[in-house]
C-alpha atoms as a PDB file:
ATOM      1  CA  MET A   1     -25.632  26.342  47.254  1.00  0.00           C
ATOM      2  CA  GLY A   2     -28.038  26.130  44.297  1.00  0.00           C
ATOM      3  CA  ALA A   3     -30.285  29.005  43.312  1.00  0.00           C
ATOM      4  CA  SER A   4     -33.465  27.021  44.002  1.00  0.00           C
ATOM      5  CA  LEU A   5     -32.258  26.120  47.474  1.00  0.00           C
ATOM      6  CA  MET A   6     -31.372  29.739  48.185  1.00  0.00           C
ATOM      7  CA  ALA A   7     -34.762  30.898  46.886  1.00  0.00           C
ATOM      8  CA  SER A   8     -36.508  28.301  49.015  1.00  0.00           C
ATOM      9  CA  GLY A   9     -34.586  29.441  52.077  1.00  0.00           C
ATOM     10  CA  CYS A  10     -35.462  33.082  51.449  1.00  0.00           C
ATOM     11  CA  THR A  11     -39.119  32.161  50.997  1.00  0.00           C
ATOM     12  CA  SER A  12     -39.131  30.287  54.309  1.00  0.00           C
ATOM     13  CA  ILE A  13     -37.559  33.272  56.057  1.00  0.00           C
ATOM     14  CA  TYR A  14     -40.188  35.721  54.773  1.00  0.00           C
ATOM     15  CA  ILE A  15     -43.051  33.324  55.587  1.00  0.00           C
ATOM     16  CA  HIS A  16     -41.638  32.889  59.107  1.00  0.00           C
ATOM     17  CA  LYS A  17     -41.213  36.655  59.553  1.00  0.00           C
ATOM     18  CA  ALA A  18     -44.777  37.276  58.369  1.00  0.00           C
ATOM     19  CA  LYS A  19     -46.140  34.616  60.699  1.00  0.00           C
ATOM     20  CA  VAL A  20     -44.290  36.075  63.708  1.00  0.00           C
ATOM     21  CA  ALA A  21     -45.347  39.629  62.803  1.00  0.00           C
ATOM     22  CA  TYR A  22     -48.995  38.565  62.416  1.00  0.00           C
ATOM     23  CA  ALA A  23     -48.953  36.802  65.784  1.00  0.00           C
ATOM     24  CA  LYS A  24     -47.641  40.000  67.396  1.00  0.00           C
ATOM     25  CA  GLY A  25     -50.243  42.153  65.660  1.00  0.00           C
ATOM     26  CA  ASP A  26     -47.520  43.864  63.640  1.00  0.00           C
ATOM     27  CA  CYS A  27     -49.534  44.574  60.501  1.00  0.00           C
ATOM     28  CA  PRO A  28     -46.926  46.599  58.567  1.00  0.00           C
ATOM     29  CA  ASN A  29     -44.325  43.824  58.823  1.00  0.00           C
ATOM     30  CA  THR A  30     -46.893  41.112  58.135  1.00  0.00           C
ATOM     31  CA  ILE A  31     -47.867  42.806  54.870  1.00  0.00           C
ATOM     32  CA  ARG A  32     -44.283  43.742  53.960  1.00  0.00           C
ATOM     33  CA  ASN A  33     -43.022  40.173  54.321  1.00  0.00           C
ATOM     34  CA  LEU A  34     -45.963  38.615  52.457  1.00  0.00           C
ATOM     35  CA  ARG A  35     -45.585  41.071  49.583  1.00  0.00           C
ATOM     36  CA  MET A  36     -41.935  40.059  49.211  1.00  0.00           C
ATOM     37  CA  LEU A  37     -43.249  36.706  47.970  1.00  0.00           C
ATOM     38  CA  THR A  38     -45.385  37.639  44.967  1.00  0.00           C
ATOM     39  CA  SER A  39     -45.131  34.182  43.416  1.00  0.00           C
ATOM     40  CA  ASN A  40     -45.507  32.128  46.606  1.00  0.00           C
ATOM     41  CA  PRO A  41     -48.962  30.520  46.911  1.00  0.00           C
ATOM     42  CA  ILE A  42     -48.933  30.566  50.723  1.00  0.00           C
ATOM     43  CA  ALA A  43     -48.114  34.282  50.817  1.00  0.00           C
ATOM     44  CA  LEU A  44     -50.710  35.070  48.118  1.00  0.00           C
ATOM     45  CA  TYR A  45     -53.423  33.079  49.892  1.00  0.00           C
ATOM     46  CA  SER A  46     -52.544  34.742  53.199  1.00  0.00           C
ATOM     47  CA  LEU A  47     -52.773  38.206  51.608  1.00  0.00           C
ATOM     48  CA  GLY A  48     -56.122  37.213  50.135  1.00  0.00           C
ATOM     49  CA  GLN A  49     -57.393  36.234  53.563  1.00  0.00           C
ATOM     50  CA  LEU A  50     -56.240  39.546  55.034  1.00  0.00           C
ATOM     51  CA  TYR A  51     -58.133  41.461  52.346  1.00  0.00           C
ATOM     52  CA  LYS A  52     -61.152  39.183  52.774  1.00  0.00           C
ATOM     53  CA  LYS A  53     -61.290  39.804  56.531  1.00  0.00           C
ATOM     54  CA  GLY A  54     -60.109  43.409  56.495  1.00  0.00           C
ATOM     55  CA  GLU A  55     -57.186  42.613  58.791  1.00  0.00           C
ATOM     56  CA  CYS A  56     -54.052  44.763  58.422  1.00  0.00           C
ATOM     57  CA  VAL A  57     -55.561  46.196  55.213  1.00  0.00           C
ATOM     58  CA  GLU A  58     -58.870  47.748  54.211  1.00  0.00           C
ATOM     59  CA  LYS A  59     -61.434  45.032  53.489  1.00  0.00           C
ATOM     60  CA  ASP A  60     -61.611  44.476  49.736  1.00  0.00           C
ATOM     61  CA  PRO A  61     -63.441  41.381  48.434  1.00  0.00           C
ATOM     62  CA  GLN A  62     -62.214  41.886  44.855  1.00  0.00           C
ATOM     63  CA  GLU A  63     -58.583  42.197  45.947  1.00  0.00           C
ATOM     64  CA  ALA A  64     -59.053  39.157  48.193  1.00  0.00           C
ATOM     65  CA  GLU A  65     -60.414  37.095  45.324  1.00  0.00           C
ATOM     66  CA  SER A  66     -57.556  38.206  43.064  1.00  0.00           C
ATOM     67  CA  TYR A  67     -54.867  37.115  45.543  1.00  0.00           C
ATOM     68  CA  ILE A  68     -56.598  33.809  46.285  1.00  0.00           C
ATOM     69  CA  GLU A  69     -57.017  33.029  42.583  1.00  0.00           C
ATOM     70  CA  LYS A  70     -53.320  33.738  42.003  1.00  0.00           C
ATOM     71  CA  ALA A  71     -52.453  31.446  44.913  1.00  0.00           C
ATOM     72  CA  PHE A  72     -54.373  28.538  43.405  1.00  0.00           C
ATOM     73  CA  ASP A  73     -53.506  29.153  39.754  1.00  0.00           C
ATOM     74  CA  GLY A  74     -52.177  25.822  38.550  1.00  0.00           C
ATOM     75  CA  ILE A  75     -51.645  24.441  42.075  1.00  0.00           C
ATOM     76  CA  PRO A  76     -53.107  20.978  42.629  1.00  0.00           C
ATOM     77  CA  MET A  77     -52.451  21.024  46.375  1.00  0.00           C
ATOM     78  CA  VAL A  78     -55.180  23.428  47.527  1.00  0.00           C
ATOM     79  CA  LYS A  79     -55.761  21.665  50.854  1.00  0.00           C
ATOM     80  CA  PHE A  80     -52.047  21.760  51.627  1.00  0.00           C
ATOM     81  CA  ILE A  81     -51.867  25.510  51.050  1.00  0.00           C
ATOM     82  CA  LYS A  82     -54.949  26.214  53.167  1.00  0.00           C
ATOM     83  CA  LYS A  83     -53.495  24.189  56.048  1.00  0.00           C
ATOM     84  CA  ARG A  84     -50.148  26.011  55.856  1.00  0.00           C
ATOM     85  CA  ALA A  85     -51.551  29.522  55.398  1.00  0.00           C
ATOM     86  CA  ILE A  86     -50.603  32.096  57.996  1.00  0.00           C
ATOM     87  CA  ILE A  87     -54.107  33.552  58.013  1.00  0.00           C
ATOM     88  CA  PRO A  88     -56.608  30.652  58.110  1.00  0.00           C
ATOM     89  CA  ASN A  89     -59.874  30.709  56.197  1.00  0.00           C
END
């Protein structure tokens, strides 16, 4: 199995775990799984939304903006990411 396929599979697992944890109201596991994916735009956008709304973390507009900017840095598919985000806008 190639490294990129393995990385993609790991990413999908953490996104899934974060989504399930968020649905259950399990904030520590939501945050833990999203933070495992520091270069994944969906995870970064989702973290930004959590900071923006003050869910699972203390509300912090600057931190929210930072995560959201990182999510969209060089990504042409902004609408795709927003649709797939765990924490919607």
